[in-house]
Amino acid sequence: EENFLADCLEVIQSGTPYLRPERIALNALSTSSHFVRLL
């Protein structure tokens, strides 16, 4: 889980070869889908 979130955070903070996010908050949150109907 930590590795997955670290990878997501790196993309959000550093961007991709085509885009650097400006509108996405600079954090990566996760929770179990059991707890969230929207997930």
ModelCIF file with pLDDT and N, C-alpha, C, O atoms, coordinates in Angstrom:
data_MODEL
#
_entry.id   MODEL 
#
_entity.id                         1 
_entity.type                       polymer 
_entity.pdbx_number_of_molecules   1 
#
_entity_poly.entity_id                      1 
_entity_poly.type                           'polypeptide(L)' 
_entity_poly.nstd_linkage                   no 
_entity_poly.nstd_monomer                   no 
_entity_poly.pdbx_seq_one_letter_code       EENFLADCLEVIQSGTPYLRPERIALNALSTSSHFVRLL 
_entity_poly.pdbx_seq_one_letter_code_can   EENFLADCLEVIQSGTPYLRPERIALNALSTSSHFVRLL 
_entity_poly.pdbx_strand_id                 A 
#
loop_
_entity_poly_seq.entity_id 
_entity_poly_seq.num 
_entity_poly_seq.mon_id 
_entity_poly_seq.hetero 
1 1  GLU n 
1 2  GLU n 
1 3  ASN n 
1 4  PHE n 
1 5  LEU n 
1 6  ALA n 
1 7  ASP n 
1 8  CYS n 
1 9  LEU n 
1 10 GLU n 
1 11 VAL n 
1 12 ILE n 
1 13 GLN n 
1 14 SER n 
1 15 GLY n 
1 16 THR n 
1 17 PRO n 
1 18 TYR n 
1 19 LEU n 
1 20 ARG n 
1 21 PRO n 
1 22 GLU n 
1 23 ARG n 
1 24 ILE n 
1 25 ALA n 
1 26 LEU n 
1 27 ASN n 
1 28 ALA n 
1 29 LEU n 
1 30 SER n 
1 31 THR n 
1 32 SER n 
1 33 SER n 
1 34 HIS n 
1 35 PHE n 
1 36 VAL n 
1 37 ARG n 
1 38 LEU n 
1 39 LEU n 
#
_struct_asym.id          A 
_struct_asym.entity_id   1 
#
loop_
_ma_qa_metric.id 
_ma_qa_metric.mode 
_ma_qa_metric.name 
_ma_qa_metric.software_group_id 
_ma_qa_metric.type 
1 global pLDDT . pLDDT 
2 local  pLDDT . pLDDT 
#
_ma_qa_metric_global.metric_id      1 
_ma_qa_metric_global.metric_value   87.33 
_ma_qa_metric_global.model_id       1 
_ma_qa_metric_global.ordinal_id     1 
#
loop_
_ma_qa_metric_local.label_asym_id 
_ma_qa_metric_local.label_comp_id 
_ma_qa_metric_local.label_seq_id 
_ma_qa_metric_local.metric_id 
_ma_qa_metric_local.metric_value 
_ma_qa_metric_local.model_id 
_ma_qa_metric_local.ordinal_id 
A GLU 1  2 68.00 1 1  
A GLU 2  2 76.00 1 2  
A ASN 3  2 77.00 1 3  
A PHE 4  2 77.00 1 4  
A LEU 5  2 80.00 1 5  
A ALA 6  2 80.00 1 6  
A ASP 7  2 81.00 1 7  
A CYS 8  2 85.00 1 8  
A LEU 9  2 84.00 1 9  
A GLU 10 2 85.00 1 10 
A VAL 11 2 87.00 1 11 
A ILE 12 2 89.00 1 12 
A GLN 13 2 88.00 1 13 
A SER 14 2 87.00 1 14 
A GLY 15 2 88.00 1 15 
A THR 16 2 88.00 1 16 
A PRO 17 2 84.00 1 17 
A TYR 18 2 86.00 1 18 
A LEU 19 2 89.00 1 19 
A ARG 20 2 90.00 1 20 
A PRO 21 2 92.00 1 21 
A GLU 22 2 94.00 1 22 
A ARG 23 2 96.00 1 23 
A ILE 24 2 95.00 1 24 
A ALA 25 2 93.00 1 25 
A LEU 26 2 86.00 1 26 
A ASN 27 2 81.00 1 27 
A ALA 28 2 76.00 1 28 
A LEU 29 2 86.00 1 29 
A SER 30 2 87.00 1 30 
A THR 31 2 91.00 1 31 
A SER 32 2 91.00 1 32 
A SER 33 2 93.00 1 33 
A HIS 34 2 92.00 1 34 
A PHE 35 2 94.00 1 35 
A VAL 36 2 97.00 1 36 
A ARG 37 2 98.00 1 37 
A LEU 38 2 98.00 1 38 
A LEU 39 2 97.00 1 39 
#
loop_
_atom_site.group_PDB 
_atom_site.id 
_atom_site.type_symbol 
_atom_site.label_atom_id 
_atom_site.label_alt_id 
_atom_site.label_comp_id 
_atom_site.label_asym_id 
_atom_site.label_entity_id 
_atom_site.label_seq_id 
_atom_site.pdbx_PDB_ins_code 
_atom_site.Cartn_x 
_atom_site.Cartn_y 
_atom_site.Cartn_z 
_atom_site.occupancy 
_atom_site.B_iso_or_equiv 
_atom_site.pdbx_formal_charge 
_atom_site.auth_seq_id 
_atom_site.auth_comp_id 
_atom_site.auth_asym_id 
_atom_site.auth_atom_id 
_atom_site.pdbx_PDB_model_num 
ATOM 1   N N  . GLU A 1 1  ? 0.831   -1.203 0.000   1.00 68.00 ? 1  GLU A N  1 
ATOM 2   C CA . GLU A 1 1  ? 0.000   0.000  0.000   1.00 68.00 ? 1  GLU A CA 1 
ATOM 3   C C  . GLU A 1 1  ? 0.865   1.252  0.000   1.00 68.00 ? 1  GLU A C  1 
ATOM 4   O O  . GLU A 1 1  ? 0.599   2.194  -0.747  1.00 68.00 ? 1  GLU A O  1 
ATOM 5   N N  . GLU A 1 2  ? 1.886   1.266  0.825   1.00 76.00 ? 2  GLU A N  1 
ATOM 6   C CA . GLU A 1 2  ? 2.752   2.436  0.905   1.00 76.00 ? 2  GLU A CA 1 
ATOM 7   C C  . GLU A 1 2  ? 3.478   2.685  -0.413  1.00 76.00 ? 2  GLU A C  1 
ATOM 8   O O  . GLU A 1 2  ? 3.634   3.831  -0.833  1.00 76.00 ? 2  GLU A O  1 
ATOM 9   N N  . ASN A 1 3  ? 3.920   1.613  -1.061  1.00 77.00 ? 3  ASN A N  1 
ATOM 10  C CA . ASN A 1 3  ? 4.593   1.770  -2.353  1.00 77.00 ? 3  ASN A CA 1 
ATOM 11  C C  . ASN A 1 3  ? 3.631   2.301  -3.409  1.00 77.00 ? 3  ASN A C  1 
ATOM 12  O O  . ASN A 1 3  ? 3.992   3.149  -4.226  1.00 77.00 ? 3  ASN A O  1 
ATOM 13  N N  . PHE A 1 4  ? 2.401   1.790  -3.382  1.00 77.00 ? 4  PHE A N  1 
ATOM 14  C CA . PHE A 1 4  ? 1.388   2.251  -4.331  1.00 77.00 ? 4  PHE A CA 1 
ATOM 15  C C  . PHE A 1 4  ? 1.121   3.743  -4.137  1.00 77.00 ? 4  PHE A C  1 
ATOM 16  O O  . PHE A 1 4  ? 1.091   4.501  -5.106  1.00 77.00 ? 4  PHE A O  1 
ATOM 17  N N  . LEU A 1 5  ? 0.928   4.158  -2.898  1.00 80.00 ? 5  LEU A N  1 
ATOM 18  C CA . LEU A 1 5  ? 0.650   5.568  -2.622  1.00 80.00 ? 5  LEU A CA 1 
ATOM 19  C C  . LEU A 1 5  ? 1.842   6.450  -2.972  1.00 80.00 ? 5  LEU A C  1 
ATOM 20  O O  . LEU A 1 5  ? 1.676   7.563  -3.473  1.00 80.00 ? 5  LEU A O  1 
ATOM 21  N N  . ALA A 1 6  ? 3.050   5.945  -2.705  1.00 80.00 ? 6  ALA A N  1 
ATOM 22  C CA . ALA A 1 6  ? 4.242   6.710  -3.047  1.00 80.00 ? 6  ALA A CA 1 
ATOM 23  C C  . ALA A 1 6  ? 4.331   6.940  -4.554  1.00 80.00 ? 6  ALA A C  1 
ATOM 24  O O  . ALA A 1 6  ? 4.698   8.026  -5.002  1.00 80.00 ? 6  ALA A O  1 
ATOM 25  N N  . ASP A 1 7  ? 3.990   5.906  -5.336  1.00 81.00 ? 7  ASP A N  1 
ATOM 26  C CA . ASP A 1 7  ? 4.014   6.048  -6.787  1.00 81.00 ? 7  ASP A CA 1 
ATOM 27  C C  . ASP A 1 7  ? 2.970   7.066  -7.251  1.00 81.00 ? 7  ASP A C  1 
ATOM 28  O O  . ASP A 1 7  ? 3.247   7.897  -8.116  1.00 81.00 ? 7  ASP A O  1 
ATOM 29  N N  . CYS A 1 8  ? 1.773   6.997  -6.673  1.00 85.00 ? 8  CYS A N  1 
ATOM 30  C CA . CYS A 1 8  ? 0.726   7.950  -7.036  1.00 85.00 ? 8  CYS A CA 1 
ATOM 31  C C  . CYS A 1 8  ? 1.120   9.370  -6.668  1.00 85.00 ? 8  CYS A C  1 
ATOM 32  O O  . CYS A 1 8  ? 0.903   10.305 -7.438  1.00 85.00 ? 8  CYS A O  1 
ATOM 33  N N  . LEU A 1 9  ? 1.700   9.523  -5.489  1.00 84.00 ? 9  LEU A N  1 
ATOM 34  C CA . LEU A 1 9  ? 2.115   10.850 -5.027  1.00 84.00 ? 9  LEU A CA 1 
ATOM 35  C C  . LEU A 1 9  ? 3.196   11.431 -5.941  1.00 84.00 ? 9  LEU A C  1 
ATOM 36  O O  . LEU A 1 9  ? 3.202   12.629 -6.225  1.00 84.00 ? 9  LEU A O  1 
ATOM 37  N N  . GLU A 1 10 ? 4.100   10.581 -6.394  1.00 85.00 ? 10 GLU A N  1 
ATOM 38  C CA . GLU A 1 10 ? 5.163   11.054 -7.291  1.00 85.00 ? 10 GLU A CA 1 
ATOM 39  C C  . GLU A 1 10 ? 4.577   11.592 -8.593  1.00 85.00 ? 10 GLU A C  1 
ATOM 40  O O  . GLU A 1 10 ? 5.020   12.621 -9.103  1.00 85.00 ? 10 GLU A O  1 
ATOM 41  N N  . VAL A 1 11 ? 3.573   10.885 -9.128  1.00 87.00 ? 11 VAL A N  1 
ATOM 42  C CA . VAL A 1 11 ? 2.946   11.352 -10.364 1.00 87.00 ? 11 VAL A CA 1 
ATOM 43  C C  . VAL A 1 11 ? 2.211   12.673 -10.121 1.00 87.00 ? 11 VAL A C  1 
ATOM 44  O O  . VAL A 1 11 ? 2.302   13.594 -10.932 1.00 87.00 ? 11 VAL A O  1 
ATOM 45  N N  . ILE A 1 12 ? 1.484   12.764 -9.002  1.00 89.00 ? 12 ILE A N  1 
ATOM 46  C CA . ILE A 1 12 ? 0.737   13.986 -8.698  1.00 89.00 ? 12 ILE A CA 1 
ATOM 47  C C  . ILE A 1 12 ? 1.679   15.175 -8.521  1.00 89.00 ? 12 ILE A C  1 
ATOM 48  O O  . ILE A 1 12 ? 1.380   16.279 -8.976  1.00 89.00 ? 12 ILE A O  1 
ATOM 49  N N  . GLN A 1 13 ? 2.808   14.952 -7.864  1.00 88.00 ? 13 GLN A N  1 
ATOM 50  C CA . GLN A 1 13 ? 3.726   16.050 -7.569  1.00 88.00 ? 13 GLN A CA 1 
ATOM 51  C C  . GLN A 1 13 ? 4.641   16.386 -8.742  1.00 88.00 ? 13 GLN A C  1 
ATOM 52  O O  . GLN A 1 13 ? 4.915   17.558 -9.000  1.00 88.00 ? 13 GLN A O  1 
ATOM 53  N N  . SER A 1 14 ? 5.116   15.360 -9.454  1.00 87.00 ? 14 SER A N  1 
ATOM 54  C CA . SER A 1 14 ? 6.092   15.583 -10.521 1.00 87.00 ? 14 SER A CA 1 
ATOM 55  C C  . SER A 1 14 ? 5.473   15.616 -11.905 1.00 87.00 ? 14 SER A C  1 
ATOM 56  O O  . SER A 1 14 ? 6.064   16.146 -12.845 1.00 87.00 ? 14 SER A O  1 
ATOM 57  N N  . GLY A 1 15 ? 4.288   15.052 -12.029 1.00 88.00 ? 15 GLY A N  1 
ATOM 58  C CA . GLY A 1 15 ? 3.621   15.054 -13.312 1.00 88.00 ? 15 GLY A CA 1 
ATOM 59  C C  . GLY A 1 15 ? 4.013   13.880 -14.184 1.00 88.00 ? 15 GLY A C  1 
ATOM 60  O O  . GLY A 1 15 ? 4.763   12.996 -13.771 1.00 88.00 ? 15 GLY A O  1 
ATOM 61  N N  . THR A 1 16 ? 3.493   13.890 -15.389 1.00 88.00 ? 16 THR A N  1 
ATOM 62  C CA . THR A 1 16 ? 3.784   12.877 -16.394 1.00 88.00 ? 16 THR A CA 1 
ATOM 63  C C  . THR A 1 16 ? 4.584   13.554 -17.509 1.00 88.00 ? 16 THR A C  1 
ATOM 64  O O  . THR A 1 16 ? 4.796   14.766 -17.466 1.00 88.00 ? 16 THR A O  1 
ATOM 65  N N  . PRO A 1 17 ? 5.030   12.787 -18.503 1.00 84.00 ? 17 PRO A N  1 
ATOM 66  C CA . PRO A 1 17 ? 5.745   13.437 -19.614 1.00 84.00 ? 17 PRO A CA 1 
ATOM 67  C C  . PRO A 1 17 ? 4.917   14.482 -20.347 1.00 84.00 ? 17 PRO A C  1 
ATOM 68  O O  . PRO A 1 17 ? 5.476   15.314 -21.062 1.00 84.00 ? 17 PRO A O  1 
ATOM 69  N N  . TYR A 1 18 ? 3.592   14.460 -20.185 1.00 86.00 ? 18 TYR A N  1 
ATOM 70  C CA . TYR A 1 18 ? 2.735   15.367 -20.937 1.00 86.00 ? 18 TYR A CA 1 
ATOM 71  C C  . TYR A 1 18 ? 2.039   16.419 -20.090 1.00 86.00 ? 18 TYR A C  1 
ATOM 72  O O  . TYR A 1 18 ? 1.473   17.368 -20.633 1.00 86.00 ? 18 TYR A O  1 
ATOM 73  N N  . LEU A 1 19 ? 2.070   16.270 -18.763 1.00 89.00 ? 19 LEU A N  1 
ATOM 74  C CA . LEU A 1 19 ? 1.254   17.169 -17.940 1.00 89.00 ? 19 LEU A CA 1 
ATOM 75  C C  . LEU A 1 19 ? 1.769   17.187 -16.511 1.00 89.00 ? 19 LEU A C  1 
ATOM 76  O O  . LEU A 1 19 ? 2.195   16.167 -15.967 1.00 89.00 ? 19 LEU A O  1 
ATOM 77  N N  . ARG A 1 20 ? 1.720   18.373 -15.919 1.00 90.00 ? 20 ARG A N  1 
ATOM 78  C CA . ARG A 1 20 ? 2.018   18.509 -14.493 1.00 90.00 ? 20 ARG A CA 1 
ATOM 79  C C  . ARG A 1 20 ? 0.759   18.994 -13.789 1.00 90.00 ? 20 ARG A C  1 
ATOM 80  O O  . ARG A 1 20 ? 0.288   20.100 -14.055 1.00 90.00 ? 20 ARG A O  1 
ATOM 81  N N  . PRO A 1 21 ? 0.210   18.179 -12.894 1.00 92.00 ? 21 PRO A N  1 
ATOM 82  C CA . PRO A 1 21 ? -1.057  18.565 -12.239 1.00 92.00 ? 21 PRO A CA 1 
ATOM 83  C C  . PRO A 1 21 ? -0.947  19.866 -11.470 1.00 92.00 ? 21 PRO A C  1 
ATOM 84  O O  . PRO A 1 21 ? 0.020   20.100 -10.745 1.00 92.00 ? 21 PRO A O  1 
ATOM 85  N N  . GLU A 1 22 ? -1.957  20.709 -11.641 1.00 94.00 ? 22 GLU A N  1 
ATOM 86  C CA . GLU A 1 22 ? -2.067  21.962 -10.905 1.00 94.00 ? 22 GLU A CA 1 
ATOM 87  C C  . GLU A 1 22 ? -3.321  21.997 -10.039 1.00 94.00 ? 22 GLU A C  1 
ATOM 88  O O  . GLU A 1 22 ? -3.381  22.730 -9.052  1.00 94.00 ? 22 GLU A O  1 
ATOM 89  N N  . ARG A 1 23 ? -4.317  21.206 -10.410 1.00 96.00 ? 23 ARG A N  1 
ATOM 90  C CA . ARG A 1 23 ? -5.601  21.235 -9.721  1.00 96.00 ? 23 ARG A CA 1 
ATOM 91  C C  . ARG A 1 23 ? -5.770  20.103 -8.716  1.00 96.00 ? 23 ARG A C  1 
ATOM 92  O O  . ARG A 1 23 ? -6.730  20.106 -7.946  1.00 96.00 ? 23 ARG A O  1 
ATOM 93  N N  . ILE A 1 24 ? -4.858  19.135 -8.708  1.00 95.00 ? 24 ILE A N  1 
ATOM 94  C CA . ILE A 1 24 ? -4.944  17.999 -7.795  1.00 95.00 ? 24 ILE A CA 1 
ATOM 95  C C  . ILE A 1 24 ? -4.143  18.301 -6.541  1.00 95.00 ? 24 ILE A C  1 
ATOM 96  O O  . ILE A 1 24 ? -2.973  18.673 -6.624  1.00 95.00 ? 24 ILE A O  1 
ATOM 97  N N  . ALA A 1 25 ? -4.769  18.143 -5.375  1.00 93.00 ? 25 ALA A N  1 
ATOM 98  C CA . ALA A 1 25 ? -4.079  18.394 -4.104  1.00 93.00 ? 25 ALA A CA 1 
ATOM 99  C C  . ALA A 1 25 ? -2.832  17.532 -4.002  1.00 93.00 ? 25 ALA A C  1 
ATOM 100 O O  . ALA A 1 25 ? -2.835  16.374 -4.418  1.00 93.00 ? 25 ALA A O  1 
ATOM 101 N N  . LEU A 1 26 ? -1.758  18.101 -3.445  1.00 86.00 ? 26 LEU A N  1 
ATOM 102 C CA . LEU A 1 26 ? -0.465  17.426 -3.397  1.00 86.00 ? 26 LEU A CA 1 
ATOM 103 C C  . LEU A 1 26 ? -0.397  16.412 -2.262  1.00 86.00 ? 26 LEU A C  1 
ATOM 104 O O  . LEU A 1 26 ? 0.461   16.498 -1.383  1.00 86.00 ? 26 LEU A O  1 
ATOM 105 N N  . ASN A 1 27 ? -1.299  15.472 -2.296  1.00 81.00 ? 27 ASN A N  1 
ATOM 106 C CA . ASN A 1 27 ? -1.249  14.354 -1.351  1.00 81.00 ? 27 ASN A CA 1 
ATOM 107 C C  . ASN A 1 27 ? -1.938  13.171 -2.011  1.00 81.00 ? 27 ASN A C  1 
ATOM 108 O O  . ASN A 1 27 ? -2.647  13.317 -3.007  1.00 81.00 ? 27 ASN A O  1 
ATOM 109 N N  . ALA A 1 28 ? -1.718  12.020 -1.446  1.00 76.00 ? 28 ALA A N  1 
ATOM 110 C CA . ALA A 1 28 ? -2.342  10.809 -1.976  1.00 76.00 ? 28 ALA A CA 1 
ATOM 111 C C  . ALA A 1 28 ? -3.027  10.098 -0.816  1.00 76.00 ? 28 ALA A C  1 
ATOM 112 O O  . ALA A 1 28 ? -2.364  9.574  0.080   1.00 76.00 ? 28 ALA A O  1 
ATOM 113 N N  . LEU A 1 29 ? -4.344  10.083 -0.838  1.00 86.00 ? 29 LEU A N  1 
ATOM 114 C CA . LEU A 1 29 ? -5.112  9.493  0.246   1.00 86.00 ? 29 LEU A CA 1 
ATOM 115 C C  . LEU A 1 29 ? -5.665  8.147  -0.198  1.00 86.00 ? 29 LEU A C  1 
ATOM 116 O O  . LEU A 1 29 ? -5.993  7.952  -1.368  1.00 86.00 ? 29 LEU A O  1 
ATOM 117 N N  . SER A 1 30 ? -5.763  7.220  0.751   1.00 87.00 ? 30 SER A N  1 
ATOM 118 C CA . SER A 1 30 ? -6.380  5.933  0.429   1.00 87.00 ? 30 SER A CA 1 
ATOM 119 C C  . SER A 1 30 ? -7.201  5.455  1.614   1.00 87.00 ? 30 SER A C  1 
ATOM 120 O O  . SER A 1 30 ? -6.923  5.789  2.765   1.00 87.00 ? 30 SER A O  1 
ATOM 121 N N  . THR A 1 31 ? -8.207  4.673  1.307   1.00 91.00 ? 31 THR A N  1 
ATOM 122 C CA . THR A 1 31 ? -9.015  4.027  2.329   1.00 91.00 ? 31 THR A CA 1 
ATOM 123 C C  . THR A 1 31 ? -9.616  2.781  1.713   1.00 91.00 ? 31 THR A C  1 
ATOM 124 O O  . THR A 1 31 ? -9.644  2.644  0.490   1.00 91.00 ? 31 THR A O  1 
ATOM 125 N N  . SER A 1 32 ? -10.090 1.886  2.534   1.00 91.00 ? 32 SER A N  1 
ATOM 126 C CA . SER A 1 32 ? -10.720 0.679  2.019   1.00 91.00 ? 32 SER A CA 1 
ATOM 127 C C  . SER A 1 32 ? -12.080 1.020  1.421   1.00 91.00 ? 32 SER A C  1 
ATOM 128 O O  . SER A 1 32 ? -12.849 1.787  2.001   1.00 91.00 ? 32 SER A O  1 
ATOM 129 N N  . SER A 1 33 ? -12.364 0.454  0.276   1.00 93.00 ? 33 SER A N  1 
ATOM 130 C CA . SER A 1 33 ? -13.654 0.701  -0.371  1.00 93.00 ? 33 SER A CA 1 
ATOM 131 C C  . SER A 1 33 ? -14.823 0.183  0.461   1.00 93.00 ? 33 SER A C  1 
ATOM 132 O O  . SER A 1 33 ? -15.963 0.584  0.226   1.00 93.00 ? 33 SER A O  1 
ATOM 133 N N  . HIS A 1 34 ? -14.565 -0.706 1.438   1.00 92.00 ? 34 HIS A N  1 
ATOM 134 C CA . HIS A 1 34 ? -15.634 -1.172 2.327   1.00 92.00 ? 34 HIS A CA 1 
ATOM 135 C C  . HIS A 1 34 ? -16.310 -0.010 3.051   1.00 92.00 ? 34 HIS A C  1 
ATOM 136 O O  . HIS A 1 34 ? -17.488 -0.087 3.400   1.00 92.00 ? 34 HIS A O  1 
ATOM 137 N N  . PHE A 1 35 ? -15.555 1.064  3.274   1.00 94.00 ? 35 PHE A N  1 
ATOM 138 C CA . PHE A 1 35 ? -16.048 2.157  4.100   1.00 94.00 ? 35 PHE A CA 1 
ATOM 139 C C  . PHE A 1 35 ? -16.695 3.287  3.301   1.00 94.00 ? 35 PHE A C  1 
ATOM 140 O O  . PHE A 1 35 ? -17.323 4.167  3.891   1.00 94.00 ? 35 PHE A O  1 
ATOM 141 N N  . VAL A 1 36 ? -16.560 3.285  1.989   1.00 97.00 ? 36 VAL A N  1 
ATOM 142 C CA . VAL A 1 36 ? -16.980 4.441  1.192   1.00 97.00 ? 36 VAL A CA 1 
ATOM 143 C C  . VAL A 1 36 ? -17.796 3.968  -0.006  1.00 97.00 ? 36 VAL A C  1 
ATOM 144 O O  . VAL A 1 36 ? -17.273 3.305  -0.902  1.00 97.00 ? 36 VAL A O  1 
ATOM 145 N N  . ARG A 1 37 ? -19.066 4.310  -0.013  1.00 98.00 ? 37 ARG A N  1 
ATOM 146 C CA . ARG A 1 37 ? -19.933 3.900  -1.118  1.00 98.00 ? 37 ARG A CA 1 
ATOM 147 C C  . ARG A 1 37 ? -19.513 4.550  -2.429  1.00 98.00 ? 37 ARG A C  1 
ATOM 148 O O  . ARG A 1 37 ? -19.710 3.959  -3.491  1.00 98.00 ? 37 ARG A O  1 
ATOM 149 N N  . LEU A 1 38 ? -18.947 5.734  -2.386  1.00 98.00 ? 38 LEU A N  1 
ATOM 150 C CA . LEU A 1 38 ? -18.517 6.395  -3.611  1.00 98.00 ? 38 LEU A CA 1 
ATOM 151 C C  . LEU A 1 38 ? -17.353 5.649  -4.265  1.00 98.00 ? 38 LEU A C  1 
ATOM 152 O O  . LEU A 1 38 ? -17.271 5.595  -5.492  1.00 98.00 ? 38 LEU A O  1 
ATOM 153 N N  . LEU A 1 39 ? -16.455 5.077  -3.467  1.00 97.00 ? 39 LEU A N  1 
ATOM 154 C CA . LEU A 1 39 ? -15.391 4.252  -4.043  1.00 97.00 ? 39 LEU A CA 1 
ATOM 155 C C  . LEU A 1 39 ? -15.972 2.990  -4.677  1.00 97.00 ? 39 LEU A C  1 
ATOM 156 O O  . LEU A 1 39 ? -15.227 2.170  -5.215  1.00 97.00 ? 39 LEU A O  1 
#
